[in-house]
N, C-alpha and C. Protein backbone atom coordinates (compact mmCIF):
# COMPACT_ATOMS: atom_id res chain seq x y z
N MET A 1 -21.16 -7.73 132.90
CA MET A 1 -22.14 -6.84 131.76
C MET A 1 -22.37 -5.52 132.64
N LYS A 2 -21.78 -5.37 133.77
CA LYS A 2 -21.78 -3.97 133.98
C LYS A 2 -20.60 -2.93 133.33
N GLN A 3 -19.48 -3.88 133.16
CA GLN A 3 -18.44 -3.23 132.49
C GLN A 3 -18.96 -2.83 131.08
N TYR A 4 -20.15 -3.73 130.13
CA TYR A 4 -20.40 -3.35 128.55
C TYR A 4 -21.22 -2.71 128.70
N ARG A 5 -22.34 -2.26 130.22
CA ARG A 5 -23.15 -1.25 130.12
C ARG A 5 -22.36 0.19 129.79
N GLN A 6 -21.14 -0.19 130.73
CA GLN A 6 -20.66 1.18 130.85
C GLN A 6 -20.59 1.71 129.64
N ARG A 7 -19.66 1.04 128.62
CA ARG A 7 -19.25 1.07 127.55
C ARG A 7 -19.88 1.78 126.35
N VAL A 8 -21.15 1.28 126.62
CA VAL A 8 -22.67 1.73 125.77
C VAL A 8 -23.58 2.99 125.93
N SER A 9 -23.06 3.95 124.84
CA SER A 9 -23.74 5.09 125.11
C SER A 9 -24.89 5.12 125.30
N GLY A 10 -24.93 6.85 126.03
CA GLY A 10 -27.03 6.60 126.69
C GLY A 10 -27.78 6.18 125.14
N PRO A 11 -27.45 7.38 124.50
CA PRO A 11 -28.74 7.56 123.58
C PRO A 11 -28.86 5.96 122.81
N LEU A 12 -27.39 5.21 122.29
CA LEU A 12 -28.11 3.97 122.55
C LEU A 12 -28.72 3.16 123.35
N LEU A 13 -28.54 3.15 124.30
CA LEU A 13 -29.26 2.71 125.30
C LEU A 13 -30.90 2.93 125.31
N ASP A 14 -30.86 4.30 124.86
CA ASP A 14 -32.28 4.77 124.95
C ASP A 14 -33.03 3.95 123.80
N ARG A 15 -32.41 3.78 122.73
CA ARG A 15 -33.33 3.06 121.84
C ARG A 15 -34.06 1.39 122.03
N ILE A 16 -33.14 0.87 122.82
CA ILE A 16 -33.59 -0.74 123.64
C ILE A 16 -35.00 -0.39 124.11
N ASP A 17 -35.73 -1.06 123.37
CA ASP A 17 -37.32 -0.85 124.27
C ASP A 17 -37.31 -2.28 125.00
N LEU A 18 -36.49 -3.19 124.84
CA LEU A 18 -36.78 -4.46 126.21
C LEU A 18 -35.49 -4.76 126.17
N GLN A 19 -35.65 -5.44 127.41
CA GLN A 19 -34.30 -5.87 128.28
C GLN A 19 -34.44 -6.84 128.70
N VAL A 20 -34.25 -8.11 128.73
CA VAL A 20 -34.13 -9.45 129.15
C VAL A 20 -33.28 -10.01 129.83
N THR A 21 -32.81 -10.54 130.93
CA THR A 21 -32.13 -11.14 131.81
C THR A 21 -32.58 -12.35 130.94
N VAL A 22 -31.24 -13.49 130.74
CA VAL A 22 -31.81 -14.83 130.66
C VAL A 22 -30.27 -15.38 131.18
N PRO A 23 -30.52 -16.97 132.44
CA PRO A 23 -29.92 -17.36 133.31
C PRO A 23 -29.12 -18.34 132.10
N ARG A 24 -28.14 -19.25 132.61
CA ARG A 24 -27.15 -19.59 132.32
C ARG A 24 -27.59 -21.20 132.31
N LEU A 25 -27.76 -22.06 131.29
CA LEU A 25 -28.49 -22.98 131.22
C LEU A 25 -27.88 -23.97 132.04
N SER A 26 -28.09 -25.22 132.89
CA SER A 26 -27.20 -26.33 133.21
C SER A 26 -26.76 -26.75 132.39
N GLU A 27 -25.64 -27.84 132.64
CA GLU A 27 -25.57 -28.97 131.48
C GLU A 27 -26.25 -30.04 131.54
N THR A 28 -27.05 -29.97 132.04
CA THR A 28 -28.51 -31.03 132.21
C THR A 28 -29.77 -30.46 130.95
N GLU A 29 -29.47 -29.20 131.16
CA GLU A 29 -30.67 -28.32 130.56
C GLU A 29 -29.92 -28.23 129.07
N ARG A 30 -28.62 -27.76 128.71
CA ARG A 30 -28.21 -27.21 127.66
C ARG A 30 -28.11 -29.09 126.97
N ASN A 31 -27.78 -30.44 127.13
CA ASN A 31 -28.32 -31.33 126.92
C ASN A 31 -29.57 -31.46 126.62
N SER A 32 -30.39 -31.38 127.15
CA SER A 32 -31.93 -31.90 126.79
C SER A 32 -32.40 -31.24 126.19
N LEU A 33 -31.75 -29.79 125.49
CA LEU A 33 -32.58 -28.99 124.56
C LEU A 33 -32.07 -29.21 123.46
N LEU A 34 -30.80 -29.89 123.47
CA LEU A 34 -30.11 -30.29 122.18
C LEU A 34 -30.70 -31.16 121.66
N GLN A 35 -31.02 -32.28 122.37
CA GLN A 35 -31.65 -33.63 122.40
C GLN A 35 -33.17 -33.05 121.37
N GLN A 36 -33.58 -32.66 122.22
CA GLN A 36 -35.04 -32.18 121.65
C GLN A 36 -34.97 -31.39 120.29
N GLU A 37 -33.88 -30.90 119.89
CA GLU A 37 -33.72 -29.73 118.86
C GLU A 37 -33.39 -31.34 117.57
N ARG A 38 -32.20 -31.91 117.86
CA ARG A 38 -32.31 -33.31 117.07
C ARG A 38 -33.26 -33.85 116.81
N ALA A 39 -34.20 -34.27 117.54
CA ALA A 39 -35.63 -35.03 117.41
C ALA A 39 -36.63 -34.20 116.18
N LYS A 40 -36.24 -32.97 116.21
CA LYS A 40 -37.48 -32.14 115.58
C LYS A 40 -37.35 -32.43 113.97
N GLY A 41 -36.05 -32.85 113.35
CA GLY A 41 -35.79 -32.55 112.35
C GLY A 41 -34.65 -33.17 111.91
N PRO A 42 -34.32 -33.82 110.32
CA PRO A 42 -33.30 -34.50 110.17
C PRO A 42 -31.70 -33.89 110.19
N ASP A 43 -30.69 -34.79 110.43
CA ASP A 43 -29.46 -34.35 110.86
C ASP A 43 -28.59 -33.98 109.28
N SER A 44 -27.53 -33.21 109.39
CA SER A 44 -26.72 -33.28 108.43
C SER A 44 -26.14 -33.74 106.93
N THR A 45 -26.22 -34.78 107.82
CA THR A 45 -26.12 -36.24 107.12
C THR A 45 -27.03 -36.62 106.37
N SER A 46 -28.08 -36.58 107.07
CA SER A 46 -29.17 -37.16 106.44
C SER A 46 -29.38 -36.38 105.12
N ILE A 47 -29.39 -35.06 105.33
CA ILE A 47 -29.69 -34.00 104.13
C ILE A 47 -28.46 -33.84 103.00
N ARG A 48 -27.46 -34.56 103.38
CA ARG A 48 -26.67 -34.55 102.46
C ARG A 48 -26.64 -35.83 101.30
N VAL A 49 -27.15 -36.39 102.15
CA VAL A 49 -28.03 -38.08 101.07
C VAL A 49 -28.91 -37.54 100.24
N GLU A 50 -29.58 -37.05 101.08
CA GLU A 50 -30.75 -36.17 99.95
C GLU A 50 -30.15 -35.56 99.03
N VAL A 51 -29.11 -34.72 98.96
CA VAL A 51 -28.99 -33.68 98.30
C VAL A 51 -28.12 -34.52 97.05
N ILE A 52 -27.34 -35.25 97.05
CA ILE A 52 -26.57 -35.79 96.49
C ILE A 52 -27.52 -36.75 95.55
N ALA A 53 -28.47 -37.21 96.18
CA ALA A 53 -29.52 -38.35 95.47
C ALA A 53 -29.87 -37.35 94.58
N CYS A 54 -30.62 -35.96 94.86
CA CYS A 54 -30.83 -35.54 93.96
C CYS A 54 -30.13 -34.78 92.90
N ARG A 55 -29.30 -34.51 93.08
CA ARG A 55 -28.13 -34.20 91.60
C ARG A 55 -27.75 -35.14 91.06
N GLU A 56 -27.99 -36.65 91.57
CA GLU A 56 -28.07 -37.63 90.40
C GLU A 56 -28.96 -37.51 89.56
N ARG A 57 -29.82 -37.64 90.37
CA ARG A 57 -31.37 -37.44 89.99
C ARG A 57 -31.31 -36.37 88.39
N GLN A 58 -30.95 -35.44 88.63
CA GLN A 58 -30.92 -34.14 88.08
C GLN A 58 -29.78 -34.48 86.78
N LEU A 59 -28.64 -35.10 86.72
CA LEU A 59 -27.53 -34.98 86.03
C LEU A 59 -28.03 -36.20 85.18
N ALA A 60 -28.83 -37.29 85.22
CA ALA A 60 -28.93 -38.19 84.88
C ALA A 60 -30.63 -38.26 83.79
N ARG A 61 -31.37 -37.45 84.41
CA ARG A 61 -32.19 -36.35 83.64
C ARG A 61 -31.90 -35.29 82.33
N ALA A 62 -30.93 -34.36 83.22
CA ALA A 62 -30.48 -33.33 81.90
C ALA A 62 -29.24 -33.38 81.77
N GLY A 63 -28.48 -34.32 82.12
CA GLY A 63 -26.86 -34.14 81.95
C GLY A 63 -26.17 -32.98 82.30
N CYS A 64 -27.04 -32.05 83.21
CA CYS A 64 -26.35 -31.20 84.29
C CYS A 64 -26.90 -30.84 85.84
N CYS A 65 -26.93 -30.05 86.50
CA CYS A 65 -27.57 -29.65 87.49
C CYS A 65 -28.76 -28.63 87.11
N ASN A 66 -29.96 -28.50 87.75
CA ASN A 66 -30.80 -27.89 87.40
C ASN A 66 -30.57 -26.24 87.38
N ALA A 67 -29.57 -25.72 87.66
CA ALA A 67 -28.93 -24.58 87.63
C ALA A 67 -28.07 -24.38 86.81
N ARG A 68 -28.03 -24.96 85.97
CA ARG A 68 -27.15 -25.17 84.45
C ARG A 68 -27.95 -25.10 83.73
N LEU A 69 -28.96 -25.73 83.87
CA LEU A 69 -30.33 -25.15 82.48
C LEU A 69 -30.69 -24.69 81.81
N GLU A 70 -30.58 -24.55 80.03
CA GLU A 70 -30.68 -23.37 79.50
C GLU A 70 -32.51 -22.99 79.33
N HIS A 71 -32.70 -22.02 79.20
CA HIS A 71 -34.00 -22.16 79.34
C HIS A 71 -34.97 -22.99 78.61
N LYS A 72 -34.35 -23.38 77.47
CA LYS A 72 -35.49 -24.49 76.44
C LYS A 72 -35.07 -25.81 77.12
N GLN A 73 -34.52 -25.85 77.92
CA GLN A 73 -33.85 -27.59 78.73
C GLN A 73 -35.13 -27.24 79.88
N VAL A 74 -34.99 -26.04 80.34
CA VAL A 74 -36.03 -26.07 81.77
C VAL A 74 -37.26 -26.39 81.08
N LYS A 75 -37.71 -25.42 79.80
CA LYS A 75 -39.17 -25.62 79.80
C LYS A 75 -39.27 -27.38 79.33
N GLN A 76 -38.36 -28.22 78.81
CA GLN A 76 -38.33 -29.75 78.42
C GLN A 76 -38.14 -30.48 79.71
N HIS A 77 -38.32 -29.82 80.61
CA HIS A 77 -37.38 -31.32 81.52
C HIS A 77 -38.70 -30.74 82.82
N CYS A 78 -38.76 -29.57 83.15
CA CYS A 78 -39.49 -29.06 84.08
C CYS A 78 -40.75 -28.46 84.02
N ALA A 79 -41.12 -29.29 83.51
CA ALA A 79 -43.02 -28.55 82.59
C ALA A 79 -43.54 -28.83 84.04
N LEU A 80 -44.95 -28.16 84.27
CA LEU A 80 -45.56 -28.43 85.22
C LEU A 80 -46.73 -28.95 84.57
N ALA A 81 -47.40 -29.89 85.89
CA ALA A 81 -48.66 -30.49 85.44
C ALA A 81 -49.71 -29.49 85.41
N SER A 82 -50.88 -29.47 84.71
CA SER A 82 -52.22 -28.49 84.48
C SER A 82 -52.57 -28.38 86.38
N ARG A 83 -52.48 -29.31 86.58
CA ARG A 83 -52.75 -29.10 88.11
C ARG A 83 -52.21 -28.05 89.23
N ASP A 84 -50.59 -28.60 88.71
CA ASP A 84 -49.63 -27.81 89.43
C ASP A 84 -49.87 -26.07 89.02
N GLY A 85 -49.70 -25.98 87.97
CA GLY A 85 -50.12 -24.56 87.13
C GLY A 85 -51.39 -23.94 87.35
N LYS A 86 -52.05 -24.48 87.98
CA LYS A 86 -53.26 -23.77 88.33
C LYS A 86 -53.06 -23.56 90.20
N LEU A 87 -52.34 -24.07 90.46
CA LEU A 87 -52.14 -24.06 92.42
C LEU A 87 -51.15 -22.83 92.10
N LEU A 88 -50.14 -22.19 91.63
CA LEU A 88 -49.39 -21.88 91.38
C LEU A 88 -50.47 -20.22 90.94
N SER A 89 -50.92 -20.30 89.86
CA SER A 89 -51.94 -19.11 89.25
C SER A 89 -52.66 -18.72 90.62
N ASN A 90 -53.52 -19.85 91.51
CA ASN A 90 -54.00 -18.91 92.61
C ASN A 90 -53.60 -18.59 93.44
N ARG A 91 -52.56 -19.18 93.82
CA ARG A 91 -51.08 -18.09 94.58
C ARG A 91 -50.41 -16.97 94.54
N ASP A 92 -50.27 -16.96 92.87
CA ASP A 92 -49.80 -15.99 92.47
C ASP A 92 -50.88 -14.52 92.26
N HIS A 93 -52.03 -14.77 92.05
CA HIS A 93 -53.32 -13.82 91.98
C HIS A 93 -53.56 -13.71 94.06
N THR A 94 -53.35 -14.68 94.12
CA THR A 94 -53.39 -14.30 95.98
C THR A 94 -52.22 -13.12 96.39
N LEU A 95 -51.19 -13.84 96.61
CA LEU A 95 -50.15 -12.83 96.40
C LEU A 95 -50.01 -11.30 95.86
N THR A 96 -50.67 -11.28 94.46
CA THR A 96 -50.72 -9.95 93.80
C THR A 96 -51.74 -8.75 94.67
N SER A 97 -53.14 -9.66 95.19
CA SER A 97 -53.94 -9.02 95.82
C SER A 97 -53.40 -8.12 97.26
N VAL A 98 -52.78 -9.21 98.18
CA VAL A 98 -51.98 -8.56 98.86
C VAL A 98 -51.18 -8.09 98.76
N HIS A 99 -50.48 -8.03 98.04
CA HIS A 99 -49.51 -6.60 97.67
C HIS A 99 -49.77 -5.62 97.30
N SER A 100 -50.85 -5.61 96.69
CA SER A 100 -51.73 -4.45 95.80
C SER A 100 -52.34 -3.99 97.06
N CYS A 101 -52.24 -3.95 98.47
CA CYS A 101 -52.86 -3.03 99.48
C CYS A 101 -51.57 -2.12 99.96
N ASN A 102 -50.29 -2.28 99.64
CA ASN A 102 -49.44 -1.35 99.76
C ASN A 102 -49.23 -1.03 101.05
N ILE A 103 -49.00 -1.97 101.73
CA ILE A 103 -48.63 -1.96 103.05
C ILE A 103 -47.33 -1.80 103.25
N SER A 104 -46.78 -0.63 104.29
CA SER A 104 -45.11 -0.37 104.34
C SER A 104 -45.01 -0.40 105.73
N TYR A 105 -43.70 -0.31 105.89
CA TYR A 105 -43.18 -0.24 107.26
C TYR A 105 -42.49 0.54 107.40
N SER A 106 -42.82 1.24 108.40
CA SER A 106 -41.73 2.11 108.93
C SER A 106 -40.88 2.58 110.78
N GLU A 107 -40.30 2.34 111.07
CA GLU A 107 -39.60 2.55 112.36
C GLU A 107 -40.05 3.43 112.73
N ASP A 108 -40.23 5.00 112.21
CA ASP A 108 -40.45 6.23 112.77
C ASP A 108 -42.01 5.85 113.23
N ARG A 109 -42.87 5.44 112.54
CA ARG A 109 -44.41 5.28 112.52
C ARG A 109 -44.56 4.52 114.08
N THR A 110 -43.81 3.34 114.04
CA THR A 110 -43.65 2.46 115.22
C THR A 110 -43.71 3.06 116.69
N HIS A 111 -42.59 4.08 116.59
CA HIS A 111 -42.14 4.91 117.87
C HIS A 111 -43.22 6.31 117.59
N GLY A 112 -43.85 6.28 117.34
CA GLY A 112 -44.61 7.65 117.44
C GLY A 112 -44.05 8.84 116.99
N ARG A 113 -42.88 8.77 116.12
CA ARG A 113 -42.08 10.21 115.65
C ARG A 113 -43.09 10.82 114.49
């Protein structure tokens, strides 16, 4: 770490606002964290099975995957129920209202420059 710090220029170090020392995890701690992460969500194999099933449904429905549908086919095969359309309309209105606030972010403003 000391060698790395010597290679980093002073002006770059001046821009670092927070430095955190992270201790190395023991193998037991690392394995425990990995097991917790695996328990949180599906593994890649089960996701792959779901993706394959979705592709098969798309092929059975329209003869191609959704990405290849023409505009006319999208309207035919992917029409929204009226309830779903209302939900999207309400969301769109909410997002438009938030967007109209014209909130912007500037790094210079956050550092008082």
